[in-house]
Amino acid sequence: MASAKTAAALQRMRLDSDIVAERRVAATPVAASVPTQRVPLNVVRQAHAANAATRRLVEDVGLAKLEAFTTRFYEKAFEDPKLDAFIRDHGEPHAKRFAAWIFEKLGGGNVWTAERRTRKMCPFSAHGQDFMSAHDRSSAHFAAWHSPKRDPQVWGEHFHLEDCRVWMRLHFWAARETGLFAEHPAFMDYYVRFIGHFVSVYERLAPPFARESARWSESPANVQAYLDTKQMPDVVDVSPREALSQLPAAEHAYTGSSAGRLLWPYA
């Protein structure tokens, strides 16, 4: 049986504006244009919406480069003891699906939706309970919470702040290694804020840490210390209050919405 906290987290995820929009799959054509200045985060009624500028950003990168990036990210995630516990099966096409989701959410076409329509779902068991493999974002994360690889003491719990911070650091590190920061700075400027927006459905306190997570891999010392231990002691077991106090004031001074969506300073 799912705990009350897990059930509440799942319900919040199911009602999230972005996930509801994904279910509707509004396939409105987006006109292309070249962004000439910083692209504001395009959020409409608390859900991210593609527009001409975001489409141009993602098309400049291309689906193949996105897949190279997400493949590198999953290579890192599979080797990280914290993140890998959430990933039941390395054999699923995680990187391909994630790249397709990014491409679609930014206006590149309904490649992720098309894949979901043909995706096979498989049953699996964990700790004496039966589940189905993922068919959308909410079911994917529910399955991750109940991965049989997780410690029984935390099995079924939703993602916590430290999980999200480790995830974002490795994610943006993979983007850096595949050249996205250097070769597509306009895309990455938007993408960091894009992830800051979406991460809030998994943990409401996580959005202010998106920029810090992107900066983390700029330091070779940070990366080497992680490679030596596969640990992030400045993140794990650090209280949210202490973690926020370590951010620049402009990044931890955020405001909330009635739905718990934390947007500022990610606009």
C-alpha atoms as a PDB file:
ATOM      1  CA  MET A   1       0.000   0.000   0.000  1.00  0.00           C
ATOM      2  CA  ALA A   2       1.296   3.445  -0.872  1.00  0.00           C
ATOM      3  CA  SER A   3       1.808   5.768   2.067  1.00  0.00           C
ATOM      4  CA  ALA A   4      -0.359   8.862   2.439  1.00  0.00           C
ATOM      5  CA  LYS A   5       2.618  11.053   1.457  1.00  0.00           C
ATOM      6  CA  THR A   6       3.311   8.975  -1.644  1.00  0.00           C
ATOM      7  CA  ALA A   7      -0.360   8.988  -2.621  1.00  0.00           C
ATOM      8  CA  ALA A   8      -0.480  12.766  -2.206  1.00  0.00           C
ATOM      9  CA  ALA A   9       2.682  13.161  -4.284  1.00  0.00           C
ATOM     10  CA  LEU A  10       1.251  10.957  -7.032  1.00  0.00           C
ATOM     11  CA  GLN A  11      -2.015  12.903  -7.055  1.00  0.00           C
ATOM     12  CA  ARG A  12      -0.133  16.214  -7.241  1.00  0.00           C
ATOM     13  CA  MET A  13       1.853  14.844 -10.165  1.00  0.00           C
ATOM     14  CA  ARG A  14      -1.282  13.639 -11.964  1.00  0.00           C
ATOM     15  CA  LEU A  15      -2.881  17.080 -11.563  1.00  0.00           C
ATOM     16  CA  ASP A  16       0.255  18.970 -12.603  1.00  0.00           C
ATOM     17  CA  SER A  17      -0.509  21.436 -15.391  1.00  0.00           C
ATOM     18  CA  ASP A  18       2.258  20.124 -17.652  1.00  0.00           C
ATOM     19  CA  ILE A  19       1.288  16.482 -17.266  1.00  0.00           C
ATOM     20  CA  VAL A  20      -2.383  17.292 -17.884  1.00  0.00           C
ATOM     21  CA  ALA A  21      -1.326  19.157 -21.033  1.00  0.00           C
ATOM     22  CA  GLU A  22       0.690  16.137 -22.168  1.00  0.00           C
ATOM     23  CA  ARG A  23      -2.400  13.980 -21.864  1.00  0.00           C
ATOM     24  CA  ARG A  24      -4.355  16.374 -24.058  1.00  0.00           C
ATOM     25  CA  VAL A  25      -1.557  16.353 -26.644  1.00  0.00           C
ATOM     26  CA  ALA A  26      -2.536  19.621 -28.268  1.00  0.00           C
ATOM     27  CA  ALA A  27      -0.810  19.416 -31.636  1.00  0.00           C
ATOM     28  CA  THR A  28      -0.975  23.082 -32.597  1.00  0.00           C
ATOM     29  CA  PRO A  29       1.586  23.940 -35.296  1.00  0.00           C
ATOM     30  CA  VAL A  30       4.315  26.314 -34.115  1.00  0.00           C
ATOM     31  CA  ALA A  31       5.763  28.840 -36.552  1.00  0.00           C
ATOM     32  CA  ALA A  32       9.555  28.957 -36.715  1.00  0.00           C
ATOM     33  CA  SER A  33      11.628  32.069 -36.130  1.00  0.00           C
ATOM     34  CA  VAL A  34      15.143  32.793 -34.976  1.00  0.00           C
ATOM     35  CA  PRO A  35      15.434  34.066 -31.371  1.00  0.00           C
ATOM     36  CA  THR A  36      17.552  37.224 -31.384  1.00  0.00           C
ATOM     37  CA  GLN A  37      17.688  37.695 -27.593  1.00  0.00           C
ATOM     38  CA  ARG A  38      17.200  35.737 -24.396  1.00  0.00           C
ATOM     39  CA  VAL A  39      14.040  33.657 -24.632  1.00  0.00           C
ATOM     40  CA  PRO A  40      11.697  34.080 -21.620  1.00  0.00           C
ATOM     41  CA  LEU A  41      10.468  30.852 -20.077  1.00  0.00           C
ATOM     42  CA  ASN A  42       7.122  30.316 -21.783  1.00  0.00           C
ATOM     43  CA  VAL A  43       4.642  29.205 -19.116  1.00  0.00           C
ATOM     44  CA  VAL A  44       0.916  29.557 -19.763  1.00  0.00           C
ATOM     45  CA  ARG A  45      -1.508  28.803 -16.910  1.00  0.00           C
ATOM     46  CA  GLN A  46       1.360  27.134 -15.006  1.00  0.00           C
ATOM     47  CA  ALA A  47       2.173  24.730 -17.879  1.00  0.00           C
ATOM     48  CA  HIS A  48       5.145  25.077 -20.181  1.00  0.00           C
ATOM     49  CA  ALA A  49       4.141  25.838 -23.779  1.00  0.00           C
ATOM     50  CA  ALA A  50       6.274  25.685 -26.898  1.00  0.00           C
ATOM     51  CA  ASN A  51       6.417  28.722 -29.140  1.00  0.00           C
ATOM     52  CA  ALA A  52       8.319  29.831 -32.211  1.00  0.00           C
ATOM     53  CA  ALA A  53      11.406  30.750 -30.209  1.00  0.00           C
ATOM     54  CA  THR A  54      11.606  27.471 -28.274  1.00  0.00           C
ATOM     55  CA  ARG A  55      11.069  25.505 -31.462  1.00  0.00           C
ATOM     56  CA  ARG A  56      13.982  27.273 -33.106  1.00  0.00           C
ATOM     57  CA  LEU A  57      16.186  26.629 -30.075  1.00  0.00           C
ATOM     58  CA  VAL A  58      15.526  22.885 -30.084  1.00  0.00           C
ATOM     59  CA  GLU A  59      15.731  22.535 -33.860  1.00  0.00           C
ATOM     60  CA  ASP A  60      19.151  24.199 -33.790  1.00  0.00           C
ATOM     61  CA  VAL A  61      20.267  21.400 -31.463  1.00  0.00           C
ATOM     62  CA  GLY A  62      18.419  18.576 -33.223  1.00  0.00           C
ATOM     63  CA  LEU A  63      17.009  15.304 -31.970  1.00  0.00           C
ATOM     64  CA  ALA A  64      20.237  13.360 -32.595  1.00  0.00           C
ATOM     65  CA  LYS A  65      22.307  15.712 -30.422  1.00  0.00           C
ATOM     66  CA  LEU A  66      19.653  15.590 -27.701  1.00  0.00           C
ATOM     67  CA  GLU A  67      19.804  11.804 -27.741  1.00  0.00           C
ATOM     68  CA  ALA A  68      23.617  11.899 -27.444  1.00  0.00           C
ATOM     69  CA  PHE A  69      23.143  14.136 -24.398  1.00  0.00           C
ATOM     70  CA  THR A  70      20.484  11.977 -22.726  1.00  0.00           C
ATOM     71  CA  THR A  71      22.490   8.823 -23.469  1.00  0.00           C
ATOM     72  CA  ARG A  72      25.472  10.342 -21.680  1.00  0.00           C
ATOM     73  CA  PHE A  73      23.218  11.320 -18.795  1.00  0.00           C
ATOM     74  CA  TYR A  74      21.865   7.810 -18.354  1.00  0.00           C
ATOM     75  CA  GLU A  75      25.385   6.392 -18.456  1.00  0.00           C
ATOM     76  CA  LYS A  76      26.113   8.594 -15.456  1.00  0.00           C
ATOM     77  CA  ALA A  77      22.816   7.783 -13.737  1.00  0.00           C
ATOM     78  CA  PHE A  78      23.383   4.022 -14.076  1.00  0.00           C
ATOM     79  CA  GLU A  79      26.724   4.435 -12.258  1.00  0.00           C
ATOM     80  CA  ASP A  80      25.363   6.671  -9.497  1.00  0.00           C
ATOM     81  CA  PRO A  81      24.230   4.637  -6.462  1.00  0.00           C
ATOM     82  CA  LYS A  82      21.477   7.093  -5.534  1.00  0.00           C
ATOM     83  CA  LEU A  83      19.945   7.520  -8.986  1.00  0.00           C
ATOM     84  CA  ASP A  84      20.412   3.961 -10.186  1.00  0.00           C
ATOM     85  CA  ALA A  85      18.238   2.673  -7.371  1.00  0.00           C
ATOM     86  CA  PHE A  86      15.285   4.366  -9.100  1.00  0.00           C
ATOM     87  CA  ILE A  87      16.009   2.704 -12.476  1.00  0.00           C
ATOM     88  CA  ARG A  88      14.635  -0.804 -12.512  1.00  0.00           C
ATOM     89  CA  ASP A  89      15.714  -1.813 -16.031  1.00  0.00           C
ATOM     90  CA  HIS A  90      18.765  -0.484 -17.874  1.00  0.00           C
ATOM     91  CA  GLY A  91      17.565  -2.163 -21.048  1.00  0.00           C
ATOM     92  CA  GLU A  92      14.640   0.183 -21.665  1.00  0.00           C
ATOM     93  CA  PRO A  93      15.246   3.033 -24.173  1.00  0.00           C
ATOM     94  CA  HIS A  94      15.403   5.702 -21.468  1.00  0.00           C
ATOM     95  CA  ALA A  95      17.683   8.065 -23.384  1.00  0.00           C
ATOM     96  CA  LYS A  96      15.683   7.886 -26.604  1.00  0.00           C
ATOM     97  CA  ARG A  97      12.417   8.586 -24.768  1.00  0.00           C
ATOM     98  CA  PHE A  98      13.881  11.466 -22.773  1.00  0.00           C
ATOM     99  CA  ALA A  99      15.360  13.114 -25.859  1.00  0.00           C
ATOM    100  CA  ALA A 100      12.019  12.768 -27.650  1.00  0.00           C
ATOM    101  CA  TRP A 101      10.228  14.349 -24.669  1.00  0.00           C
ATOM    102  CA  ILE A 102      12.575  17.361 -24.658  1.00  0.00           C
ATOM    103  CA  PHE A 103      12.239  17.769 -28.421  1.00  0.00           C
ATOM    104  CA  GLU A 104       8.446  17.639 -28.248  1.00  0.00           C
ATOM    105  CA  LYS A 105       8.034  19.899 -25.212  1.00  0.00           C
ATOM    106  CA  LEU A 106      10.057  22.604 -26.943  1.00  0.00           C
ATOM    107  CA  GLY A 107       8.029  22.402 -30.142  1.00  0.00           C
ATOM    108  CA  GLY A 108      10.014  20.043 -32.357  1.00  0.00           C
ATOM    109  CA  GLY A 109       7.097  17.695 -33.132  1.00  0.00           C
ATOM    110  CA  ASN A 110       5.122  14.952 -31.411  1.00  0.00           C
ATOM    111  CA  VAL A 111       7.861  12.322 -31.452  1.00  0.00           C
ATOM    112  CA  TRP A 112       7.444  11.427 -27.757  1.00  0.00           C
ATOM    113  CA  THR A 113       3.660  11.165 -28.031  1.00  0.00           C
ATOM    114  CA  ALA A 114       3.995   8.914 -31.086  1.00  0.00           C
ATOM    115  CA  GLU A 115       6.373   6.611 -29.199  1.00  0.00           C
ATOM    116  CA  ARG A 116       4.061   6.428 -26.186  1.00  0.00           C
ATOM    117  CA  ARG A 117       1.171   5.244 -28.365  1.00  0.00           C
ATOM    118  CA  THR A 118       3.120   2.137 -29.378  1.00  0.00           C
ATOM    119  CA  ARG A 119       4.976   1.523 -26.111  1.00  0.00           C
ATOM    120  CA  LYS A 120       4.540  -1.938 -24.626  1.00  0.00           C
ATOM    121  CA  MET A 121       3.813  -2.098 -20.909  1.00  0.00           C
ATOM    122  CA  CYS A 122       5.188  -4.948 -18.855  1.00  0.00           C
ATOM    123  CA  PRO A 123       4.284  -6.047 -15.335  1.00  0.00           C
ATOM    124  CA  PHE A 124       6.919  -6.199 -12.602  1.00  0.00           C
ATOM    125  CA  SER A 125       6.914  -7.038  -8.910  1.00  0.00           C
ATOM    126  CA  ALA A 126       8.627  -5.314  -6.013  1.00  0.00           C
ATOM    127  CA  HIS A 127       8.397  -6.101  -2.315  1.00  0.00           C
ATOM    128  CA  GLY A 128       5.417  -8.363  -2.874  1.00  0.00           C
ATOM    129  CA  GLN A 129       3.384  -5.892  -4.941  1.00  0.00           C
ATOM    130  CA  ASP A 130       2.638  -5.893  -8.661  1.00  0.00           C
ATOM    131  CA  PHE A 131       3.136  -2.879 -10.934  1.00  0.00           C
ATOM    132  CA  MET A 132       3.092  -1.987 -14.624  1.00  0.00           C
ATOM    133  CA  SER A 133       6.015  -0.390 -16.417  1.00  0.00           C
ATOM    134  CA  ALA A 134       5.771   3.253 -17.440  1.00  0.00           C
ATOM    135  CA  HIS A 135       3.489   4.603 -20.154  1.00  0.00           C
ATOM    136  CA  ASP A 136       3.747   8.345 -19.380  1.00  0.00           C
ATOM    137  CA  ARG A 137       5.609  10.701 -17.036  1.00  0.00           C
ATOM    138  CA  SER A 138       3.504  10.176 -13.934  1.00  0.00           C
ATOM    139  CA  SER A 139       3.540   6.379 -14.245  1.00  0.00           C
ATOM    140  CA  ALA A 140       7.293   6.445 -14.954  1.00  0.00           C
ATOM    141  CA  HIS A 141       8.027   8.250 -11.733  1.00  0.00           C
ATOM    142  CA  PHE A 142       5.573   6.166  -9.728  1.00  0.00           C
ATOM    143  CA  ALA A 143       7.405   3.073 -11.008  1.00  0.00           C
ATOM    144  CA  ALA A 144      10.742   4.656 -10.049  1.00  0.00           C
ATOM    145  CA  TRP A 145       9.531   5.251  -6.478  1.00  0.00           C
ATOM    146  CA  HIS A 146       8.676   1.548  -6.313  1.00  0.00           C
ATOM    147  CA  SER A 147      11.798   0.199  -8.010  1.00  0.00           C
ATOM    148  CA  PRO A 148      12.797  -3.169  -6.508  1.00  0.00           C
ATOM    149  CA  LYS A 149      16.366  -1.820  -6.310  1.00  0.00           C
ATOM    150  CA  ARG A 150      15.478   0.770  -3.651  1.00  0.00           C
ATOM    151  CA  ASP A 151      16.203   0.233   0.019  1.00  0.00           C
ATOM    152  CA  PRO A 152      13.081  -1.147   1.762  1.00  0.00           C
ATOM    153  CA  GLN A 153      13.242   1.717   4.279  1.00  0.00           C
ATOM    154  CA  VAL A 154      12.582   4.304   1.540  1.00  0.00           C
ATOM    155  CA  TRP A 155      10.800   2.109  -1.006  1.00  0.00           C
ATOM    156  CA  GLY A 156       7.692   3.847  -2.326  1.00  0.00           C
ATOM    157  CA  GLU A 157       8.731   7.310  -1.157  1.00  0.00           C
ATOM    158  CA  HIS A 158       8.638  10.150  -3.692  1.00  0.00           C
ATOM    159  CA  PHE A 159      11.758  12.005  -4.812  1.00  0.00           C
ATOM    160  CA  HIS A 160      13.355  14.233  -2.194  1.00  0.00           C
ATOM    161  CA  LEU A 161      15.400  17.404  -2.621  1.00  0.00           C
ATOM    162  CA  GLU A 162      18.729  15.597  -2.533  1.00  0.00           C
ATOM    163  CA  ASP A 163      17.569  13.161  -5.236  1.00  0.00           C
ATOM    164  CA  CYS A 164      16.575  16.066  -7.480  1.00  0.00           C
ATOM    165  CA  ARG A 165      19.831  17.922  -6.890  1.00  0.00           C
ATOM    166  CA  VAL A 166      21.987  14.886  -7.720  1.00  0.00           C
ATOM    167  CA  TRP A 167      19.834  14.278 -10.794  1.00  0.00           C
ATOM    168  CA  MET A 168      20.187  17.872 -12.030  1.00  0.00           C
ATOM    169  CA  ARG A 169      23.930  18.006 -11.431  1.00  0.00           C
ATOM    170  CA  LEU A 170      24.569  14.826 -13.430  1.00  0.00           C
ATOM    171  CA  HIS A 171      22.080  15.925 -16.070  1.00  0.00           C
ATOM    172  CA  PHE A 172      23.712  19.280 -16.726  1.00  0.00           C
ATOM    173  CA  TRP A 173      27.174  17.685 -16.510  1.00  0.00           C
ATOM    174  CA  ALA A 174      26.154  15.360 -19.350  1.00  0.00           C
ATOM    175  CA  ALA A 175      24.983  18.403 -21.333  1.00  0.00           C
ATOM    176  CA  ARG A 176      28.350  20.061 -20.746  1.00  0.00           C
ATOM    177  CA  GLU A 177      30.280  16.965 -21.819  1.00  0.00           C
ATOM    178  CA  THR A 178      28.302  16.667 -25.057  1.00  0.00           C
ATOM    179  CA  GLY A 179      29.028  20.289 -25.951  1.00  0.00           C
ATOM    180  CA  LEU A 180      25.619  21.827 -25.437  1.00  0.00           C
ATOM    181  CA  PHE A 181      26.785  24.646 -23.154  1.00  0.00           C
ATOM    182  CA  ALA A 182      29.621  25.570 -25.506  1.00  0.00           C
ATOM    183  CA  GLU A 183      27.885  25.031 -28.858  1.00  0.00           C
ATOM    184  CA  HIS A 184      24.285  25.957 -28.034  1.00  0.00           C
ATOM    185  CA  PRO A 185      24.406  28.527 -25.201  1.00  0.00           C
ATOM    186  CA  ALA A 186      20.998  30.027 -26.034  1.00  0.00           C
ATOM    187  CA  PHE A 187      19.410  26.597 -25.812  1.00  0.00           C
ATOM    188  CA  MET A 188      21.105  25.825 -22.500  1.00  0.00           C
ATOM    189  CA  ASP A 189      20.170  29.214 -21.046  1.00  0.00           C
ATOM    190  CA  TYR A 190      16.560  28.280 -21.705  1.00  0.00           C
ATOM    191  CA  TYR A 191      16.955  24.616 -20.843  1.00  0.00           C
ATOM    192  CA  VAL A 192      18.277  25.226 -17.321  1.00  0.00           C
ATOM    193  CA  ARG A 193      15.181  27.321 -16.584  1.00  0.00           C
ATOM    194  CA  PHE A 194      13.018  24.715 -18.337  1.00  0.00           C
ATOM    195  CA  ILE A 195      14.309  22.003 -15.979  1.00  0.00           C
ATOM    196  CA  GLY A 196      13.884  24.389 -13.042  1.00  0.00           C
ATOM    197  CA  HIS A 197      10.213  24.638 -13.996  1.00  0.00           C
ATOM    198  CA  PHE A 198       9.577  20.914 -14.451  1.00  0.00           C
ATOM    199  CA  VAL A 199      11.479  19.663 -11.413  1.00  0.00           C
ATOM    200  CA  SER A 200       9.002  21.324  -9.057  1.00  0.00           C
ATOM    201  CA  VAL A 201       6.354  18.644  -9.611  1.00  0.00           C
ATOM    202  CA  TYR A 202       8.743  16.071  -8.121  1.00  0.00           C
ATOM    203  CA  GLU A 203       9.970  18.230  -5.237  1.00  0.00           C
ATOM    204  CA  ARG A 204       8.614  21.718  -4.571  1.00  0.00           C
ATOM    205  CA  LEU A 205      11.872  22.982  -3.084  1.00  0.00           C
ATOM    206  CA  ALA A 206      14.049  21.893  -6.023  1.00  0.00           C
ATOM    207  CA  PRO A 207      13.639  24.727  -8.622  1.00  0.00           C
ATOM    208  CA  PRO A 208      16.012  27.231  -6.958  1.00  0.00           C
ATOM    209  CA  PHE A 209      18.821  24.668  -7.309  1.00  0.00           C
ATOM    210  CA  ALA A 210      18.708  24.395 -11.110  1.00  0.00           C
ATOM    211  CA  ARG A 211      21.288  27.109 -11.745  1.00  0.00           C
ATOM    212  CA  GLU A 212      23.560  25.847  -8.967  1.00  0.00           C
ATOM    213  CA  SER A 213      23.311  22.361 -10.446  1.00  0.00           C
ATOM    214  CA  ALA A 214      24.309  23.682 -13.866  1.00  0.00           C
ATOM    215  CA  ARG A 215      27.302  25.555 -12.381  1.00  0.00           C
ATOM    216  CA  TRP A 216      28.503  22.514 -10.416  1.00  0.00           C
ATOM    217  CA  SER A 217      30.142  20.782 -13.404  1.00  0.00           C
ATOM    218  CA  GLU A 218      32.057  23.928 -14.410  1.00  0.00           C
ATOM    219  CA  SER A 219      34.534  22.990 -11.674  1.00  0.00           C
ATOM    220  CA  PRO A 220      36.937  20.132 -12.505  1.00  0.00           C
ATOM    221  CA  ALA A 221      37.505  19.752  -8.754  1.00  0.00           C
ATOM    222  CA  ASN A 222      33.798  19.103  -8.167  1.00  0.00           C
ATOM    223  CA  VAL A 223      33.694  16.535 -10.932  1.00  0.00           C
ATOM    224  CA  GLN A 224      36.859  14.755  -9.784  1.00  0.00           C
ATOM    225  CA  ALA A 225      35.708  14.608  -6.171  1.00  0.00           C
ATOM    226  CA  TYR A 226      32.485  12.995  -7.350  1.00  0.00           C
ATOM    227  CA  LEU A 227      34.298  10.530  -9.617  1.00  0.00           C
ATOM    228  CA  ASP A 228      36.555   9.494  -6.739  1.00  0.00           C
ATOM    229  CA  THR A 229      33.670   8.612  -4.425  1.00  0.00           C
ATOM    230  CA  LYS A 230      30.392   8.653  -6.415  1.00  0.00           C
ATOM    231  CA  GLN A 231      29.035  10.712  -3.531  1.00  0.00           C
ATOM    232  CA  MET A 232      27.856  14.315  -3.087  1.00  0.00           C
ATOM    233  CA  PRO A 233      28.253  15.009   0.639  1.00  0.00           C
ATOM    234  CA  ASP A 234      27.314  18.674   0.167  1.00  0.00           C
ATOM    235  CA  VAL A 235      23.875  17.520  -1.038  1.00  0.00           C
ATOM    236  CA  VAL A 236      23.007  14.238   0.672  1.00  0.00           C
ATOM    237  CA  ASP A 237      21.581  14.531   4.193  1.00  0.00           C
ATOM    238  CA  VAL A 238      21.693  18.333   4.003  1.00  0.00           C
ATOM    239  CA  SER A 239      18.475  19.920   5.263  1.00  0.00           C
ATOM    240  CA  PRO A 240      16.475  22.052   2.806  1.00  0.00           C
ATOM    241  CA  ARG A 241      16.941  25.108   5.030  1.00  0.00           C
ATOM    242  CA  GLU A 242      20.712  24.681   5.097  1.00  0.00           C
ATOM    243  CA  ALA A 243      20.846  23.964   1.362  1.00  0.00           C
ATOM    244  CA  LEU A 244      18.853  27.103   0.527  1.00  0.00           C
ATOM    245  CA  SER A 245      21.081  29.199   2.779  1.00  0.00           C
ATOM    246  CA  GLN A 246      24.064  28.231   0.636  1.00  0.00           C
ATOM    247  CA  LEU A 247      22.538  29.630  -2.569  1.00  0.00           C
ATOM    248  CA  PRO A 248      23.028  33.223  -3.749  1.00  0.00           C
ATOM    249  CA  ALA A 249      20.205  35.387  -2.392  1.00  0.00           C
ATOM    250  CA  ALA A 250      18.833  36.005  -5.897  1.00  0.00           C
ATOM    251  CA  GLU A 251      18.350  32.265  -6.358  1.00  0.00           C
ATOM    252  CA  HIS A 252      16.794  31.216  -3.069  1.00  0.00           C
ATOM    253  CA  ALA A 253      14.426  34.188  -2.839  1.00  0.00           C
ATOM    254  CA  TYR A 254      11.634  32.587  -4.868  1.00  0.00           C
ATOM    255  CA  THR A 255       7.874  32.903  -4.700  1.00  0.00           C
ATOM    256  CA  GLY A 256       5.240  30.185  -4.962  1.00  0.00           C
ATOM    257  CA  SER A 257       1.952  29.834  -6.758  1.00  0.00           C
ATOM    258  CA  SER A 258      -1.333  28.429  -5.507  1.00  0.00           C
ATOM    259  CA  ALA A 259      -0.501  25.157  -7.235  1.00  0.00           C
ATOM    260  CA  GLY A 260       2.939  24.950  -5.668  1.00  0.00           C
ATOM    261  CA  ARG A 261       4.720  25.850  -8.901  1.00  0.00           C
ATOM    262  CA  LEU A 262       7.875  27.783  -8.048  1.00  0.00           C
ATOM    263  CA  LEU A 263       8.735  30.007 -10.988  1.00  0.00           C
ATOM    264  CA  TRP A 264      10.785  32.990  -9.914  1.00  0.00           C
ATOM    265  CA  PRO A 265      13.654  33.530 -10.818  1.00  0.00           C
ATOM    266  CA  TYR A 266      13.245  31.097 -13.721  1.00  0.00           C
ATOM    267  CA  ALA A 267      11.121  33.330 -15.985  1.00  0.00           C
END
